[in-house]
Protein backbone atom coordinates (compact mmCIF):
# COMPACT_ATOMS: atom_id res chain seq x y z
CA MET A 1 -113.65 97.70 -68.73
CA THR A 2 -112.08 98.95 -71.97
CA SER A 3 -114.54 98.71 -74.87
CA VAL A 4 -113.50 97.56 -78.34
CA ILE A 5 -114.98 97.47 -81.83
CA PHE A 6 -113.21 94.51 -83.41
CA MET A 7 -112.77 94.22 -87.17
CA GLY A 8 -111.45 91.10 -88.89
CA THR A 9 -112.35 88.44 -91.42
CA PRO A 10 -110.02 85.40 -91.96
CA GLU A 11 -108.63 82.80 -89.56
CA PHE A 12 -105.76 85.20 -88.81
CA SER A 13 -108.21 87.44 -86.95
CA VAL A 14 -109.75 84.78 -84.71
CA PRO A 15 -106.94 84.34 -82.11
CA VAL A 16 -106.77 88.14 -81.79
CA LEU A 17 -110.51 88.37 -81.10
CA GLU A 18 -110.41 85.41 -78.71
CA GLY A 19 -107.46 86.96 -76.88
CA LEU A 20 -109.33 90.21 -76.32
CA ILE A 21 -112.36 88.33 -74.98
CA GLU A 22 -110.26 86.17 -72.65
CA ASN A 23 -108.52 89.27 -71.28
CA ASN A 24 -111.79 90.96 -70.36
CA TYR A 25 -112.02 93.59 -73.05
CA GLU A 26 -115.63 94.52 -73.76
CA ILE A 27 -116.36 93.70 -77.41
CA LYS A 28 -119.12 96.10 -78.45
CA ALA A 29 -119.25 94.79 -82.02
CA VAL A 30 -117.49 92.47 -84.47
CA VAL A 31 -117.30 93.86 -88.00
CA THR A 32 -116.47 91.38 -90.76
CA GLN A 33 -116.87 90.94 -94.49
CA PRO A 34 -120.23 89.70 -95.84
CA ASP A 35 -120.85 85.97 -96.23
CA LYS A 36 -119.63 84.79 -99.61
CA LYS A 37 -120.11 81.92 -102.02
CA VAL A 38 -117.28 79.38 -101.87
CA GLY A 39 -116.30 76.38 -103.99
CA ARG A 40 -117.83 74.73 -106.99
CA LYS A 41 -121.21 74.45 -105.31
CA GLN A 42 -121.09 78.16 -104.37
CA LYS A 43 -122.06 77.43 -100.78
CA ILE A 44 -122.75 80.55 -98.71
CA THR A 45 -119.95 80.65 -96.14
CA LYS A 46 -119.47 82.77 -93.01
CA SER A 47 -116.09 84.35 -92.30
CA PRO A 48 -114.05 82.74 -89.51
CA ALA A 49 -114.41 85.98 -87.51
CA LYS A 50 -118.21 85.77 -87.79
CA VAL A 51 -118.19 82.15 -86.62
CA ALA A 52 -116.10 83.15 -83.59
CA ALA A 53 -118.36 86.12 -82.85
CA GLU A 54 -121.47 83.93 -82.96
CA LYS A 55 -119.86 81.49 -80.53
CA HIS A 56 -119.56 84.33 -78.03
CA ASN A 57 -122.97 85.88 -78.84
CA LEU A 58 -121.40 89.15 -79.95
CA PRO A 59 -123.15 91.76 -82.13
CA ILE A 60 -122.08 91.30 -85.77
CA TYR A 61 -121.94 93.86 -88.57
CA GLN A 62 -121.27 92.92 -92.22
CA PRO A 63 -121.55 95.99 -94.46
CA ALA A 64 -120.58 95.38 -98.08
CA LYS A 65 -118.98 98.83 -97.92
CA LEU A 66 -118.40 100.44 -94.54
CA SER A 67 -117.96 104.01 -95.76
CA GLY A 68 -121.25 105.90 -95.76
CA SER A 69 -123.25 102.94 -94.47
CA ASP A 70 -125.90 102.94 -91.76
CA GLU A 71 -123.77 100.37 -89.96
CA MET A 72 -120.84 102.80 -89.74
CA GLN A 73 -123.01 105.41 -88.05
CA GLU A 74 -124.19 102.82 -85.55
CA LEU A 75 -120.59 101.91 -84.81
CA ILE A 76 -119.62 105.55 -84.40
CA ASP A 77 -122.48 106.03 -81.96
CA MET A 78 -121.10 103.26 -79.74
CA HIS A 79 -118.29 105.60 -78.61
CA ALA A 80 -115.92 102.69 -78.04
CA ASP A 81 -112.51 103.17 -76.44
CA LEU A 82 -110.66 101.28 -79.19
CA ILE A 83 -110.97 99.98 -82.71
CA VAL A 84 -108.84 96.85 -83.20
CA THR A 85 -108.45 95.46 -86.71
CA ALA A 86 -106.80 92.24 -87.87
CA ALA A 87 -107.09 91.58 -91.61
CA TYR A 88 -110.52 93.14 -91.98
CA GLY A 89 -110.25 93.85 -95.71
CA GLN A 90 -111.68 97.36 -96.17
CA PHE A 91 -110.45 100.91 -95.78
CA LEU A 92 -111.75 102.66 -92.66
CA PRO A 93 -112.98 106.26 -93.08
CA THR A 94 -111.26 108.96 -91.02
CA LYS A 95 -114.60 109.88 -89.41
CA PHE A 96 -114.85 106.36 -88.04
CA LEU A 97 -111.20 106.17 -86.94
CA ASN A 98 -111.60 109.44 -85.05
CA SER A 99 -114.78 108.32 -83.30
CA VAL A 100 -113.05 106.19 -80.65
CA LYS A 101 -111.87 107.62 -77.35
CA ILE A 102 -108.33 106.22 -77.25
CA ALA A 103 -106.99 104.80 -80.55
CA ALA A 104 -107.61 102.73 -83.65
CA VAL A 105 -105.07 99.90 -83.63
CA ASN A 106 -104.14 97.47 -86.41
CA VAL A 107 -102.47 94.04 -86.14
CA HIS A 108 -100.53 93.80 -89.41
CA GLY A 109 -98.74 90.70 -90.74
CA SER A 110 -95.39 92.21 -91.67
CA LEU A 111 -92.52 94.26 -90.32
CA LEU A 112 -93.66 97.65 -91.55
CA PRO A 113 -92.86 99.73 -93.54
CA LYS A 114 -92.11 96.58 -95.56
CA TYR A 115 -95.22 95.07 -97.15
CA ARG A 116 -97.99 97.56 -96.72
CA GLY A 117 -101.16 96.20 -98.29
CA GLY A 118 -103.37 93.15 -98.43
CA ALA A 119 -100.90 90.29 -98.99
CA PRO A 120 -97.85 90.84 -96.75
CA ILE A 121 -97.46 87.20 -95.74
CA GLN A 122 -97.66 85.98 -99.33
CA TYR A 123 -95.03 88.47 -100.52
CA SER A 124 -92.60 87.51 -97.75
CA LEU A 125 -92.69 83.99 -99.23
CA ILE A 126 -92.68 85.05 -102.89
CA ASN A 127 -89.55 87.11 -102.28
CA GLY A 128 -87.80 84.39 -100.29
CA ASP A 129 -87.45 86.48 -97.13
CA ALA A 130 -85.63 85.00 -94.15
CA GLU A 131 -88.06 86.53 -91.66
CA THR A 132 -91.42 88.20 -91.29
CA GLY A 133 -93.36 89.40 -88.28
CA ILE A 134 -96.13 91.45 -86.75
CA THR A 135 -96.54 95.19 -86.44
CA ILE A 136 -98.95 96.76 -83.97
CA MET A 137 -99.67 100.17 -85.46
CA GLU A 138 -101.85 103.22 -85.18
CA MET A 139 -104.45 103.36 -87.94
CA VAL A 140 -104.64 106.37 -90.23
CA LYS A 141 -106.56 106.92 -93.45
CA LYS A 142 -103.54 106.09 -95.64
CA MET A 143 -103.05 102.34 -96.03
CA ASP A 144 -100.81 100.84 -93.31
CA ALA A 145 -99.00 104.15 -92.92
CA GLY A 146 -99.58 104.85 -89.23
CA ASP A 147 -96.99 105.08 -86.49
CA ILE A 148 -95.63 101.83 -85.07
CA TYR A 149 -96.42 100.86 -81.47
CA ALA A 150 -94.56 97.52 -81.40
CA GLN A 151 -93.02 94.86 -83.65
CA GLU A 152 -91.92 91.25 -83.30
CA ALA A 153 -90.08 89.17 -85.92
CA ILE A 154 -90.14 85.43 -86.57
CA LYS A 155 -87.98 83.34 -88.90
CA ILE A 156 -89.53 81.82 -92.01
CA GLN A 157 -88.79 78.11 -92.10
CA PRO A 158 -88.07 76.25 -95.39
CA ASP A 159 -91.29 74.25 -95.05
CA ASP A 160 -93.50 77.24 -94.23
CA ASN A 161 -96.30 78.19 -96.56
CA ALA A 162 -98.91 80.96 -96.32
CA GLY A 163 -101.14 78.77 -94.16
CA THR A 164 -98.49 77.94 -91.58
CA LEU A 165 -97.24 81.54 -91.46
CA PHE A 166 -100.77 82.92 -91.02
CA ALA A 167 -101.28 80.54 -88.09
CA LYS A 168 -97.96 81.42 -86.46
CA LEU A 169 -98.38 85.16 -86.95
CA ALA A 170 -101.93 85.13 -85.61
CA ILE A 171 -100.57 83.92 -82.26
CA VAL A 172 -97.68 86.39 -82.33
CA GLY A 173 -100.14 89.16 -83.21
CA ARG A 174 -102.51 88.22 -80.40
CA ASP A 175 -99.76 88.14 -77.80
CA LEU A 176 -98.04 91.32 -78.98
CA LEU A 177 -101.35 93.21 -79.08
CA LEU A 178 -102.28 92.14 -75.56
CA LYS A 179 -98.81 93.11 -74.35
CA THR A 180 -98.98 96.52 -76.04
CA LEU A 181 -102.58 97.59 -75.38
CA PRO A 182 -102.13 98.58 -71.70
CA SER A 183 -99.51 101.21 -72.61
CA ILE A 184 -101.69 102.48 -75.48
CA ILE A 185 -104.61 102.80 -73.08
CA ASP A 186 -102.66 104.63 -70.35
CA GLY A 187 -100.81 106.83 -72.84
CA THR A 188 -97.28 105.69 -72.01
CA VAL A 189 -96.64 103.91 -75.33
CA LYS A 190 -93.88 105.29 -77.54
CA LYS A 191 -94.80 105.57 -81.21
CA THR A 192 -92.26 105.30 -84.03
CA PRO A 193 -93.01 106.89 -87.40
CA GLN A 194 -92.44 104.69 -90.46
CA ASP A 195 -89.51 105.52 -92.71
CA PRO A 196 -91.08 106.54 -96.05
CA ASP A 197 -87.89 105.59 -97.92
CA LYS A 198 -88.28 101.95 -96.84
CA VAL A 199 -91.90 101.46 -97.86
CA VAL A 200 -92.63 98.29 -99.87
CA PHE A 201 -96.14 97.43 -101.03
CA SER A 202 -97.82 94.02 -101.15
CA PRO A 203 -101.00 94.36 -103.21
CA ASN A 204 -103.48 91.51 -103.36
CA ILE A 205 -102.36 88.57 -105.49
CA THR A 206 -103.73 88.76 -109.03
CA LYS A 207 -105.05 85.86 -111.13
CA GLU A 208 -102.03 86.27 -113.41
CA GLN A 209 -99.62 85.77 -110.50
CA GLU A 210 -101.10 82.37 -109.70
CA ARG A 211 -99.51 80.83 -112.78
CA ILE A 212 -96.08 79.22 -112.62
CA THR A 213 -94.15 79.84 -115.83
CA THR A 214 -91.02 78.24 -117.25
CA SER A 215 -89.24 81.59 -117.17
CA MET A 216 -89.05 81.22 -113.37
CA THR A 217 -86.21 79.48 -111.60
CA ALA A 218 -87.11 76.47 -109.49
CA THR A 219 -86.70 78.58 -106.36
CA GLU A 220 -89.04 81.28 -107.69
CA ALA A 221 -91.62 78.66 -108.63
CA ASN A 222 -91.35 76.99 -105.24
CA ASN A 223 -91.72 80.32 -103.45
CA MET A 224 -94.90 81.02 -105.41
CA ILE A 225 -96.27 77.57 -104.56
CA ARG A 226 -95.63 78.18 -100.86
CA ALA A 227 -97.13 81.67 -100.99
CA LEU A 228 -100.38 80.48 -102.57
CA ASN A 229 -100.94 77.43 -100.35
CA PRO A 230 -103.66 76.94 -99.07
CA ASP A 231 -105.46 79.58 -101.12
CA PRO A 232 -105.85 79.95 -104.07
CA GLY A 233 -103.06 77.59 -105.13
CA ALA A 234 -100.39 78.04 -107.79
CA TYR A 235 -100.66 76.24 -111.10
CA MET A 236 -98.78 75.50 -114.29
CA MET A 237 -100.33 74.77 -117.66
CA VAL A 238 -99.60 71.16 -118.64
CA GLU A 239 -100.72 70.20 -122.14
CA GLY A 240 -103.20 73.08 -122.13
CA LYS A 241 -104.81 72.25 -118.77
CA ARG A 242 -104.39 73.72 -115.30
CA PHE A 243 -102.14 71.61 -113.11
CA LYS A 244 -102.02 72.86 -109.53
CA VAL A 245 -98.92 72.29 -107.43
CA TRP A 246 -99.49 72.39 -103.69
CA LYS A 247 -96.07 71.32 -102.48
CA ALA A 248 -92.63 71.05 -104.06
CA GLU A 249 -88.93 71.25 -103.27
CA VAL A 250 -85.93 72.53 -105.18
CA ALA A 251 -83.77 69.61 -106.28
CA ASP A 252 -80.04 69.56 -105.64
CA GLU A 253 -79.16 69.13 -109.31
CA THR A 254 -79.13 70.92 -112.65
CA THR A 255 -80.18 69.88 -116.14
CA ASP A 256 -79.60 70.82 -119.79
CA LEU A 257 -83.24 70.11 -120.67
CA LYS A 258 -85.46 72.92 -121.89
CA PRO A 259 -87.48 74.61 -119.12
CA GLY A 260 -90.79 72.82 -118.64
CA SER A 261 -89.42 69.36 -119.38
CA VAL A 262 -89.78 66.17 -117.36
CA VAL A 263 -86.45 65.44 -115.67
CA ALA A 264 -87.56 62.29 -113.87
CA ASN A 265 -90.75 60.28 -113.42
CA LYS A 266 -89.59 57.19 -111.54
CA GLY A 267 -90.05 57.49 -107.78
CA ARG A 268 -90.28 61.27 -108.15
CA PHE A 269 -91.68 63.77 -110.62
CA ALA A 270 -89.23 66.55 -111.45
CA ILE A 271 -89.58 69.47 -113.87
CA SER A 272 -86.84 71.67 -115.34
CA PHE A 273 -86.96 75.45 -114.90
CA ALA A 274 -84.93 78.46 -115.96
CA ASP A 275 -81.14 78.40 -115.51
CA GLY A 276 -81.15 74.60 -115.49
CA ASN A 277 -82.87 74.42 -112.10
CA VAL A 278 -84.98 71.40 -111.20
CA LEU A 279 -88.13 71.27 -109.07
CA ASN A 280 -89.43 68.09 -107.44
CA LEU A 281 -93.24 68.14 -107.32
CA LEU A 282 -94.53 66.55 -104.10
CA GLU A 283 -98.28 67.24 -104.01
CA VAL A 284 -100.31 68.06 -107.12
CA GLN A 285 -103.84 68.42 -108.45
CA PRO A 286 -104.43 67.68 -112.13
CA SER A 287 -107.38 69.40 -113.78
CA GLY A 288 -110.67 67.89 -112.58
CA LYS A 289 -108.98 65.76 -109.89
CA LYS A 290 -108.47 65.98 -106.14
CA ARG A 291 -105.18 66.85 -104.50
CA MET A 292 -102.82 63.89 -104.38
CA ASN A 293 -99.30 63.04 -103.34
CA ILE A 294 -96.83 62.48 -106.14
CA LYS A 295 -96.73 58.71 -105.67
CA ASN A 296 -100.44 58.45 -106.47
CA PHE A 297 -100.01 60.78 -109.43
CA LEU A 298 -97.19 58.66 -110.84
CA ASN A 299 -99.31 55.54 -110.44
CA GLY A 300 -101.96 57.20 -112.60
CA GLN A 301 -101.74 60.13 -115.04
CA GLY A 302 -98.07 60.75 -114.36
CA SER A 303 -97.01 57.43 -115.80
CA LYS A 304 -97.65 58.65 -119.36
CA PHE A 305 -94.94 61.32 -119.22
CA THR A 306 -91.39 60.42 -120.19
CA PRO A 307 -88.07 62.01 -119.16
CA GLY A 308 -86.98 64.69 -121.64
CA GLU A 309 -90.57 65.43 -122.72
CA GLU A 310 -91.49 69.14 -122.68
CA ILE A 311 -94.93 69.25 -121.02
CA VAL A 312 -95.30 72.67 -119.35
CA ASP A 313 -96.70 75.47 -121.52
CA LYS A 314 -94.55 78.60 -121.44
């Protein structure tokens, strides 16, 4: 039985871990990020990978920093055949990568060399890409720079957001990994080096990027909304307060109103953006309120706004 040290943290990693278990790989350890405080009440929350590992009674390691830790030495001493990572969230030291007998393999949520880094799925949406995909790659010390074992692309649908793409790609990643691992194990796999001239990076989303500004077109704003749903959510500043937008659509019309103005508030709530574009807001969350559909918003706070009124701070 081929032994694996599995490393992952979010929901994306769970189908990959479950797939390895169901296909009789021996999971020697599951390494995931430490429990963290979540929400207003700062409730201590386990990672989805930890929850899955507990369900299967697997050994769990949660070093705050893997490099130089006692946990890393324990993992090295396991002498596993493979390391498999899927959105773990930390760099892996070369000493650890070299400790396995066969290979260290990463399930990455993009078509490398495009979107190396921690937010490939979000950037595929931000940039309005037509497709994204999964890369099964050999891990090296440099971030997402290893040779490619296999890739599979999927189309990005107009109604996709980060949540739906994560879910789709997790299944694609699981299936492609399980299809590719036998040839990695027996040494028949063909590796393809990444083209350094085509490298694009996707660093983690910053707090500043979460804000929708009136300098954006409606399409750019909508892409940001999709990319940040379900976490952390994109927002605009309306009358000095955060106003999150969870779902929207680009309207098939233009306007002469200044960007940030109310275009319509009867039956729909539409805001003007750069170049005369218009965005219909469909699901919103005013400051201090719960998420709501636009009908409920218009029946409450939204009723005070009038067409032509400039309400979005620049």
